[in-house]
Protein backbone atom coordinates (compact mmCIF):
# COMPACT_ATOMS: atom_id res chain seq x y z
CA MET A 1 -0.09 0.09 -0.17
CA ILE A 2 1.00 3.48 -1.27
CA LYS A 3 0.32 5.96 1.85
CA ASN A 4 0.77 9.09 0.42
CA TRP A 5 0.70 10.52 -3.04
CA ASN A 6 4.67 11.56 -3.64
CA LYS A 7 5.57 7.66 -3.18
CA PHE A 8 3.05 7.13 -5.66
CA PHE A 9 3.88 9.61 -8.09
CA GLU A 10 7.97 8.08 -8.18
CA ASP A 11 6.37 5.46 -10.22
CA SER A 12 2.70 6.30 -11.21
CA GLU A 13 3.00 4.33 -15.10
CA GLY A 14 3.15 1.51 -13.27
CA ASN A 15 1.10 2.24 -10.34
CA ILE A 16 -1.72 3.01 -13.01
CA ASP A 17 -0.98 0.11 -14.84
CA ARG A 18 -0.71 -2.35 -11.45
CA ILE A 19 -4.25 -0.61 -10.19
CA TYR A 20 -5.52 -1.15 -14.20
CA ASN A 21 -4.51 -5.06 -14.67
CA ALA A 22 -5.92 -5.68 -11.34
CA LEU A 23 -9.16 -3.97 -11.76
CA MET A 24 -9.91 -5.90 -15.14
CA THR A 25 -8.82 -8.95 -13.78
CA GLN A 26 -11.07 -8.07 -10.56
CA SER A 27 -8.25 -8.93 -8.16
CA TYR A 28 -8.38 -6.11 -6.89
CA GLU A 29 -8.27 -5.28 -3.07
CA PHE A 30 -8.93 -2.05 -0.89
CA HIS A 31 -6.95 -1.33 1.26
CA PRO A 32 -7.84 -0.45 4.71
CA PHE A 33 -9.24 2.88 5.90
CA ASN A 34 -7.48 5.41 7.66
CA THR A 35 -10.06 6.70 9.96
CA PHE A 36 -10.22 9.86 12.04
CA VAL A 37 -13.17 11.91 13.72
CA ARG A 38 -14.47 15.86 13.35
CA TYR A 39 -17.21 17.71 15.44
CA GLU A 40 -19.28 19.27 13.72
CA ASN A 41 -22.74 21.33 15.85
CA GLY A 42 -21.72 19.00 18.63
CA LYS A 43 -21.63 16.34 16.30
CA ARG A 44 -19.41 13.28 16.26
CA ARG A 45 -18.84 12.27 12.56
CA ASP A 46 -16.12 9.54 11.62
CA ILE A 47 -14.48 10.27 8.33
CA PHE A 48 -13.03 7.83 6.25
CA ALA A 49 -9.31 8.18 4.35
CA SER A 50 -8.20 6.05 1.71
CA CYS A 51 -5.02 5.81 0.71
CA PRO A 52 -4.01 7.27 -3.09
CA GLU A 53 -4.82 3.85 -5.08
CA ASP A 54 -7.69 3.47 -3.19
CA GLN A 55 -9.02 7.25 -4.03
CA ILE A 56 -8.83 6.43 -7.56
CA VAL A 57 -10.31 3.19 -8.16
CA ASP A 58 -13.18 4.91 -6.16
CA THR A 59 -12.71 8.31 -8.52
CA LEU A 60 -13.56 6.11 -11.46
CA LEU A 61 -16.60 4.02 -9.84
CA ASP A 62 -17.73 7.75 -9.10
CA ALA A 63 -17.68 8.76 -12.59
CA CYS A 64 -19.18 5.22 -13.61
CA LEU A 65 -22.21 5.78 -11.12
CA LYS A 66 -22.93 9.82 -12.05
CA TYR A 67 -23.33 8.83 -15.44
CA VAL A 68 -25.64 5.90 -14.75
CA PHE A 69 -28.02 7.44 -12.52
CA MET A 70 -27.91 10.70 -13.15
CA GLU A 71 -26.78 11.70 -17.22
CA LYS A 72 -27.87 8.36 -18.73
CA LYS A 73 -31.15 7.17 -16.73
CA LYS A 74 -31.71 10.17 -14.42
CA ILE A 75 -32.58 7.96 -11.39
CA ILE A 76 -31.82 10.53 -8.95
CA HIS A 77 -34.24 13.23 -8.91
CA PRO A 78 -33.22 16.91 -9.53
CA HIS A 79 -34.62 18.17 -6.60
CA SER A 80 -31.87 16.08 -4.72
CA TYR A 81 -28.90 18.59 -3.47
CA GLY A 82 -25.62 17.48 -2.24
CA SER A 83 -22.04 16.50 -3.21
CA ILE A 84 -23.85 17.34 -7.06
CA LYS A 85 -22.11 20.08 -9.24
CA GLY A 86 -24.08 23.39 -8.78
CA LYS A 87 -26.74 21.39 -6.37
CA GLY A 88 -24.96 22.70 -3.08
CA GLN A 89 -26.61 23.88 0.16
CA HIS A 90 -26.19 27.32 -0.71
CA GLU A 91 -28.31 26.63 -4.28
CA LEU A 92 -31.08 25.02 -2.20
CA ARG A 93 -31.15 27.02 0.56
CA GLU A 94 -31.47 29.99 -1.68
CA LEU A 95 -34.21 28.33 -3.80
CA VAL A 96 -36.46 27.57 -0.56
CA ILE A 97 -35.80 31.19 0.79
CA LYS A 98 -37.34 32.61 -2.73
CA ARG A 99 -40.02 30.08 -2.46
CA VAL A 100 -41.18 31.13 0.78
CA HIS A 101 -40.85 34.81 0.93
CA ASN A 102 -43.43 36.99 1.43
CA ARG A 103 -46.17 34.20 1.09
CA LYS A 104 -49.24 34.09 3.55
CA ASP A 105 -50.40 30.40 3.05
CA LEU A 106 -47.59 28.10 2.91
CA TYR A 107 -46.63 25.22 5.47
CA VAL A 108 -44.03 23.44 5.63
CA ALA A 109 -42.33 20.48 7.15
CA VAL A 110 -38.72 19.84 7.61
CA CYS A 111 -36.92 16.57 8.77
CA ASP A 112 -34.40 14.26 9.02
CA THR A 113 -32.97 11.08 8.88
CA HIS A 114 -30.73 9.72 12.19
CA HIS A 115 -27.66 9.03 11.42
CA TYR A 116 -28.29 8.77 7.32
CA TYR A 117 -24.78 7.02 6.16
CA PRO A 118 -23.98 5.29 9.12
CA THR A 119 -27.27 3.11 8.72
CA ILE A 120 -27.64 2.41 5.04
CA ASN A 121 -28.25 -0.82 4.16
CA HIS A 122 -26.05 -3.19 2.57
CA ARG A 123 -28.84 -5.23 1.38
CA VAL A 124 -30.66 -2.59 0.26
CA MET A 125 -28.34 -0.69 -2.00
CA SER A 126 -26.72 -4.06 -3.74
CA LYS A 127 -31.06 -4.53 -4.46
CA TYR A 128 -31.15 -1.16 -6.14
CA ILE A 129 -28.01 -1.08 -8.13
CA ARG A 130 -28.62 -4.58 -9.80
CA GLN A 131 -32.19 -2.91 -10.17
CA HIS A 132 -30.22 -0.30 -13.12
CA ILE A 133 -26.88 -1.92 -13.81
CA LYS A 134 -26.55 -5.02 -16.01
CA ASP A 135 -22.70 -4.97 -16.30
CA PRO A 136 -20.33 -7.23 -14.47
CA TRP A 137 -18.00 -5.87 -14.09
CA LEU A 138 -19.00 -2.77 -12.37
CA ILE A 139 -21.85 -4.73 -9.73
CA TRP A 140 -18.63 -6.40 -8.63
CA LEU A 141 -16.74 -2.56 -8.16
CA CYS A 142 -20.19 -1.98 -6.35
CA ASP A 143 -20.10 -4.43 -4.61
CA ALA A 144 -16.44 -4.52 -3.20
CA THR A 145 -16.55 -1.39 -2.67
CA ILE A 146 -19.61 -1.03 -0.15
CA SER A 147 -18.47 -4.56 1.87
CA ARG A 148 -15.26 -1.75 2.86
CA MET A 149 -17.60 -1.19 5.75
CA HIS A 150 -17.82 -4.06 7.40
CA GLY A 151 -20.89 -5.44 8.83
CA GLU A 152 -24.77 -5.54 7.05
CA VAL A 153 -24.93 -1.72 7.18
CA GLY A 154 -22.71 1.45 6.87
CA MET A 155 -21.57 3.93 3.91
CA ALA A 156 -17.92 5.28 4.70
CA LEU A 157 -17.98 9.26 4.56
CA GLY A 158 -14.98 10.76 2.33
CA LEU A 159 -15.42 8.43 0.02
CA ALA A 160 -16.65 10.53 -3.10
CA SER A 161 -18.15 7.23 -3.94
CA SER A 162 -20.11 7.68 -1.13
CA ASN A 163 -22.05 10.32 -1.83
CA ILE A 164 -23.80 9.09 -5.40
CA LEU A 165 -24.61 5.84 -3.44
CA GLY A 166 -26.27 7.82 -0.85
CA HIS A 167 -28.89 9.05 -3.21
CA VAL A 168 -29.41 5.94 -4.83
CA TYR A 169 -30.25 4.65 -1.68
CA HIS A 170 -32.58 7.62 -1.50
CA ALA A 171 -34.10 7.70 -4.99
CA ALA A 172 -37.35 5.65 -4.43
CA ILE A 173 -38.56 7.19 -2.06
CA ASP A 174 -38.13 10.71 -3.43
CA TRP A 175 -39.60 9.68 -6.80
CA THR A 176 -43.06 7.89 -4.76
CA ILE A 177 -43.16 11.44 -2.63
CA ILE A 178 -43.27 13.72 -4.99
CA VAL A 179 -45.36 11.72 -8.35
CA GLU A 180 -46.77 8.99 -6.03
CA TYR A 181 -48.43 11.68 -3.56
CA GLY A 182 -47.83 15.04 -5.73
CA ILE A 183 -45.23 17.04 -3.11
CA HIS A 184 -43.77 19.00 -6.29
CA ASP A 185 -42.45 21.30 -3.82
CA TYR A 186 -40.40 17.95 -1.90
CA TYR A 187 -36.43 18.96 -1.79
CA ARG A 188 -33.62 16.66 -0.44
CA PHE A 189 -29.99 17.70 1.07
CA CYS A 190 -28.37 14.54 1.75
CA ASP A 191 -30.77 13.47 4.75
CA ASP A 192 -32.80 16.30 5.28
CA LYS A 193 -35.79 16.66 4.04
CA LEU A 194 -38.09 19.54 3.07
CA MET A 195 -41.78 19.49 1.69
CA ILE A 196 -44.30 22.86 0.99
CA SER A 197 -47.80 22.71 0.20
CA SER A 198 -50.66 24.99 1.20
CA ASN A 199 -52.62 22.33 2.83
CA LEU A 200 -51.35 21.62 6.96
CA ASN A 201 -53.07 18.06 6.95
CA TYR A 202 -51.64 16.96 4.04
CA LEU A 203 -47.48 17.83 5.44
CA HIS A 204 -48.62 16.35 8.52
CA THR A 205 -49.70 12.89 6.74
CA MET A 206 -47.15 13.20 4.29
CA VAL A 207 -44.22 13.41 6.62
CA ARG A 208 -46.50 10.12 8.27
CA VAL A 209 -45.70 8.63 4.80
CA LEU A 210 -42.09 9.46 4.69
CA ARG A 211 -41.80 7.82 7.78
CA SER A 212 -42.90 4.72 6.98
CA LEU A 213 -40.70 4.52 3.51
CA THR A 214 -38.19 5.41 5.77
CA GLU A 215 -38.59 2.29 8.21
CA GLU A 216 -38.88 0.27 4.80
CA ASN A 217 -35.19 1.38 3.62
CA GLY A 218 -33.88 -0.25 7.30
CA GLN A 219 -34.04 3.47 8.61
CA THR A 220 -35.45 5.86 11.36
CA LEU A 221 -36.79 9.64 11.74
CA LYS A 222 -35.79 12.24 13.72
CA PRO A 223 -38.60 12.81 16.07
CA ASN A 224 -37.57 16.30 15.85
CA TRP A 225 -39.71 17.04 12.94
CA ARG A 226 -41.59 20.49 12.48
CA VAL A 227 -45.14 20.95 10.06
CA VAL A 228 -44.97 25.40 10.87
CA HIS A 229 -46.67 28.20 9.26
CA CYS A 230 -43.99 30.05 7.57
CA GLU A 231 -45.20 33.31 8.06
CA GLU A 232 -45.99 33.20 11.61
CA GLU A 233 -42.87 30.59 12.82
CA ARG A 234 -39.57 29.96 11.69
CA PHE A 235 -38.37 26.94 10.44
CA GLU A 236 -34.13 26.14 10.56
CA PHE A 237 -32.88 24.52 6.98
CA LEU A 238 -29.14 23.87 6.30
CA GLY A 239 -27.92 27.00 8.75
CA ALA A 240 -30.31 29.59 8.41
CA SER A 241 -33.81 30.42 10.58
CA ILE A 242 -35.94 31.13 7.52
CA ASN A 243 -39.58 32.37 7.49
CA SER A 244 -41.87 34.75 5.11
CA HIS A 245 -40.23 37.46 5.57
CA ASP A 246 -36.37 37.04 6.18
CA ALA A 247 -33.78 34.33 6.28
CA ARG A 248 -31.49 34.55 9.10
CA LEU A 249 -27.84 33.25 10.16
CA LYS A 250 -28.09 30.62 13.22
CA THR A 251 -25.82 31.38 15.65
CA PRO A 252 -23.81 28.12 15.66
CA SER A 253 -23.27 29.20 12.12
CA ARG A 254 -21.95 32.85 13.09
CA ARG A 255 -19.55 31.50 15.55
CA ARG A 256 -18.09 28.75 12.81
CA ILE A 257 -17.08 32.61 10.71
CA GLU A 258 -16.58 33.89 13.72
CA ARG A 259 -13.51 31.44 14.64
CA ARG A 260 -12.56 31.67 11.31
CA PHE A 261 -12.16 35.31 11.19
CA LYS A 262 -9.49 34.99 14.02
CA LYS A 263 -8.05 31.88 12.72
CA GLU A 264 -7.08 33.80 9.70
CA LEU A 265 -5.45 36.69 11.24
CA LYS A 266 -3.12 34.41 13.53
CA LYS A 267 -2.22 34.15 9.82
CA PRO A 268 0.62 36.17 8.36
CA PHE A 269 0.32 38.17 5.52
CA ASN A 270 2.27 39.61 2.79
CA PRO A 271 -0.02 41.49 0.12
CA GLU A 272 2.31 41.04 -2.02
CA ASN A 273 2.76 37.38 -2.11
CA LYS A 274 0.33 36.01 -4.36
CA ASN A 275 -0.06 32.57 -1.86
CA ASP A 276 -0.96 34.95 0.95
CA ARG A 277 -3.93 36.80 -1.30
CA ASP A 278 -5.34 33.73 -1.87
CA ARG A 279 -5.32 32.42 0.95
CA VAL A 280 -7.53 35.89 1.87
CA MET A 281 -10.27 35.68 -1.16
CA MET A 282 -10.71 31.82 -0.47
CA SER A 283 -11.42 32.64 3.13
CA TRP A 284 -13.69 35.19 2.16
CA ALA A 285 -15.53 33.88 -0.69
CA GLY A 286 -15.94 30.62 1.18
CA MET A 287 -17.91 32.73 4.01
CA LYS A 288 -19.72 34.88 1.69
CA GLY A 289 -21.16 32.13 -0.02
CA GLY A 290 -22.56 30.82 3.07
CA LEU A 291 -24.42 33.87 3.64
CA ARG A 292 -26.06 34.22 -0.23
CA GLY A 293 -29.79 34.87 0.54
CA LEU A 294 -29.69 36.21 4.47
CA ASN A 295 -30.53 39.04 5.42
CA VAL A 296 -26.60 39.84 7.50
CA GLU A 297 -26.36 43.07 6.58
CA ASN A 298 -26.19 44.79 9.70
CA LEU A 299 -24.28 41.33 10.57
CA GLU A 300 -21.73 41.98 8.08
CA ARG A 301 -21.49 45.60 9.48
CA TYR A 302 -20.65 44.90 12.64
CA TRP A 303 -18.11 42.09 11.26
CA ARG A 304 -16.21 45.04 9.56
CA ARG A 305 -15.95 46.94 12.66
CA VAL A 306 -14.75 43.66 15.20
CA TYR A 307 -12.45 42.29 12.40
CA LYS A 308 -11.31 45.52 10.63
CA PRO A 309 -7.51 43.77 10.25
CA PHE A 310 -9.34 41.25 7.80
CA PHE A 311 -11.16 43.13 5.86
CA ASP A 312 -8.09 45.91 5.50
CA ARG A 313 -6.09 42.27 4.18
CA LEU A 314 -9.25 42.06 1.80
CA GLN A 315 -9.04 45.15 0.27
CA SER A 316 -5.46 45.20 -0.58
CA VAL A 317 -6.02 42.43 -2.20
CA GLU A 318 -9.19 44.13 -3.92
CA GLY A 319 -6.14 46.79 -4.62
CA TRP A 320 -3.91 43.80 -6.87
CA ILE A 321 -7.44 42.15 -8.48
CA GLU A 322 -8.08 45.41 -10.00
CA ILE A 323 -4.06 45.38 -11.83
CA GLU A 324 -4.62 41.70 -12.59
CA ARG A 325 -7.97 42.16 -13.81
CA ALA A 326 -6.55 45.73 -16.27
CA ASN A 327 -3.50 43.16 -17.43
CA LYS A 328 -6.20 40.14 -18.26
CA LYS A 329 -8.01 42.59 -20.73
CA TRP A 330 -5.25 44.16 -21.92
CA HIS A 331 -4.41 40.55 -22.58
CA ASN A 332 -7.78 40.12 -23.97
CA HIS A 333 -7.99 42.56 -26.16
CA ARG A 334 -4.21 41.78 -28.06
CA ALA A 335 -5.39 38.00 -28.37
CA ARG A 336 -8.57 39.15 -30.25
CA SER A 337 -7.08 41.56 -32.98
CA LEU A 338 -4.48 39.09 -33.04
CA ALA A 339 -7.76 36.49 -34.20
CA GLU A 340 -8.73 39.33 -36.18
CA ALA A 341 -5.87 39.76 -37.89
CA TRP A 342 -5.00 36.32 -38.37
CA ASP A 343 -8.19 35.70 -40.26
CA TYR A 344 -8.19 38.39 -42.69
CA ARG A 345 -4.62 36.67 -43.67
CA SER A 346 -6.32 33.59 -44.28
CA GLN A 347 -8.71 35.28 -46.58
CA GLU A 348 -5.78 36.58 -48.31
CA ASN A 349 -3.94 33.94 -48.48
CA LYS A 350 -5.10 30.17 -48.80
CA ASN A 351 -2.42 28.44 -49.86
CA LEU A 352 -0.59 29.92 -46.86
CA PHE A 353 -3.33 29.65 -44.18
CA PRO A 354 -5.27 26.71 -45.54
CA LEU A 355 -7.55 26.49 -42.32
CA ALA A 356 -9.69 29.45 -43.78
CA GLU A 357 -12.73 27.27 -45.44
CA GLY A 358 -12.16 24.82 -41.96
CA LEU A 359 -11.58 25.91 -39.11
CA ARG A 360 -12.73 29.64 -36.88
CA PRO A 361 -11.66 30.29 -34.03
CA ARG A 362 -12.85 30.28 -30.94
CA LEU A 363 -12.14 32.67 -28.38
CA PRO A 364 -13.75 31.74 -25.23
CA GLN A 365 -14.64 35.16 -23.54
CA GLY A 366 -12.61 36.37 -20.28
CA GLU A 367 -9.75 33.93 -21.57
CA ILE A 368 -5.78 34.94 -21.74
CA LEU A 369 -4.82 33.86 -24.71
CA GLY A 370 -1.02 33.60 -25.81
CA ASP A 371 2.45 35.39 -24.14
CA PRO A 372 2.25 39.24 -24.54
CA GLN A 373 6.07 38.34 -25.86
CA GLU A 374 4.98 36.18 -28.84
CA PRO A 375 3.99 36.93 -32.10
CA PHE A 376 0.45 34.97 -32.60
CA PRO A 377 -1.25 33.50 -29.57
CA THR A 378 -2.02 29.81 -30.01
CA LEU A 379 -5.55 29.69 -30.83
CA GLU A 380 -8.44 27.38 -29.78
CA LEU A 381 -9.87 25.99 -32.60
CA GLY A 382 -12.74 23.34 -33.49
CA PHE A 383 -14.41 21.64 -36.76
CA TRP A 384 -17.10 19.25 -37.89
CA THR A 385 -16.57 16.66 -39.35
CA GLY A 386 -19.70 14.82 -39.57
CA GLU A 387 -19.62 14.05 -35.89
CA ARG A 388 -17.89 16.63 -32.55
CA THR A 389 -14.49 15.66 -33.32
CA PRO A 390 -11.58 16.89 -29.98
CA VAL A 391 -10.46 20.15 -29.57
CA MET A 392 -7.19 21.29 -30.96
CA HIS A 393 -4.91 23.71 -29.35
CA ILE A 394 -2.49 25.08 -32.78
CA ASN A 395 -0.72 27.59 -34.07
CA PRO A 396 -2.87 29.09 -37.11
CA LEU A 397 1.56 30.23 -38.24
CA THR A 398 2.86 26.43 -38.59
CA TYR A 399 0.21 24.30 -38.93
CA ALA A 400 -0.10 22.69 -42.36
CA GLY A 401 -3.61 21.14 -41.91
CA PRO A 402 -5.58 19.47 -44.62
CA VAL A 403 -7.88 21.92 -46.88
CA TYR A 404 -11.41 21.44 -46.76
CA THR A 405 -13.59 21.07 -49.38
CA LYS A 406 -16.96 22.93 -49.87
CA ASP A 407 -19.20 19.86 -48.56
CA GLN A 408 -17.51 19.82 -45.37
CA ASP A 409 -16.84 23.29 -44.78
CA SER A 410 -20.75 23.02 -45.26
CA ARG A 411 -21.03 21.59 -42.32
CA ARG A 412 -18.79 23.52 -39.59
CA THR A 413 -20.23 25.19 -36.96
C-alpha cells in the first residue's frame, strides 16, 4: 500500500498499470481505512480516508455511477442536492428562501434521517444497484466498495462514491413522494428533507408516509421533525432560520464564521505574496457563499468593525486584483486583435493558411490566450466532420493541415 501521493508519483505509470490490470481481472483489493473523527455542531462524524490507489478506483466508480444514475437514466431526482456540481446547500437554501418569501398561505415540513450514512443497509443498496446496472464488472466494483464497511450496514463518509450512492439509496423515496403523492415542492439535501404545501393536514400525513418509507429502507426519522406556518413561525434549514419575511444566520453558523476570522488573523500576511492573497480571497469567498440569500447586512457591518484587520487585508488584495484585471483586459484585447488579423490574412492567402475554409477561431470570453512576448497566440479551434471532434490547440502560423472541400465546409459549425 502506498501511503502518500509523493511515493505514488515516483512510479506513476507502473502504479496505474498495476491498478488497471487488477481492476480488469477483478482481483483488486481495497486497503484498510485511515479513520479520524470530526465534530460539527456537537455531532460526531467518523471520516474514512483512503490511500492513493483506493482514491483513484473510487473516483472511477463515482464517475461511472454519475453517468448511469444522473446522465443516462436520470434516476436521481432534480430536487436532490448535496455533493452534486452546481447543487450545493447554498443553492438549495436560496431556492427555499425565494419559494416562501412573502407567502402567507404556505406550510413547511422539515425532517431528518437519524444517522443516515452509518445506517445504510448493504442488502437494500445492492438491490437498488442491480435494478439499474447489468454490467457484471461495475456490479463487482460496487459490491467491493460497499463491503469495505464491515457488517450489514454503513457507508464510509469521505469517499466520492459514498455521496452518489447515498442519493441512489434515497431515490425511490424521492420519486414516491413527488410522483405518487404529488408533493412537487419536495427538496432533499443529503438526508435533510423539506416539503412545502398550502395544506397543513396533508403535510402531517406526508411526514407519516415519509417515516414509513424510511423505515422500509431500514432507517428512522429523527423525532424532532416540524410542520410550521412560514409566516407565523421560523424553520431551521441548512444553517439558516427562515420565515416568509426574512432569513437569518443561525447562531452556531455565525460563531463558526467568526472563528474563521480569528484563525485567519493569526496567520502572517504579505500583500505582495500571491499565495497569501489567494488564501485571504478564498477564505472570504467561502464565508460569503455561506451568507448568500440571507439578511445579514447589519451583521456584515458589525464584522467589518470588529474584524477590521481582516477586511483591511481583503481591501489590499482587491487592489491587486484590479491591477491583474486590467492586465487581463489588455491580454484579451490583444488576443482578439491577433485573431482578427489572422482571419483576414487567411482569407487573403488560402495557400499559406489552408484552415480558412474549414476552421474558425473560438475565443472564450475572459480567457487569456498566448503570451505577450509571442508574435501570435495559440488559438483554440474546433471543426465539424460529420461528428463532433475534440478541440485542437494549434498555432495558425505553423499548422499545415488539410484543405477542406465545400461540402465539408458546409457542415462545420
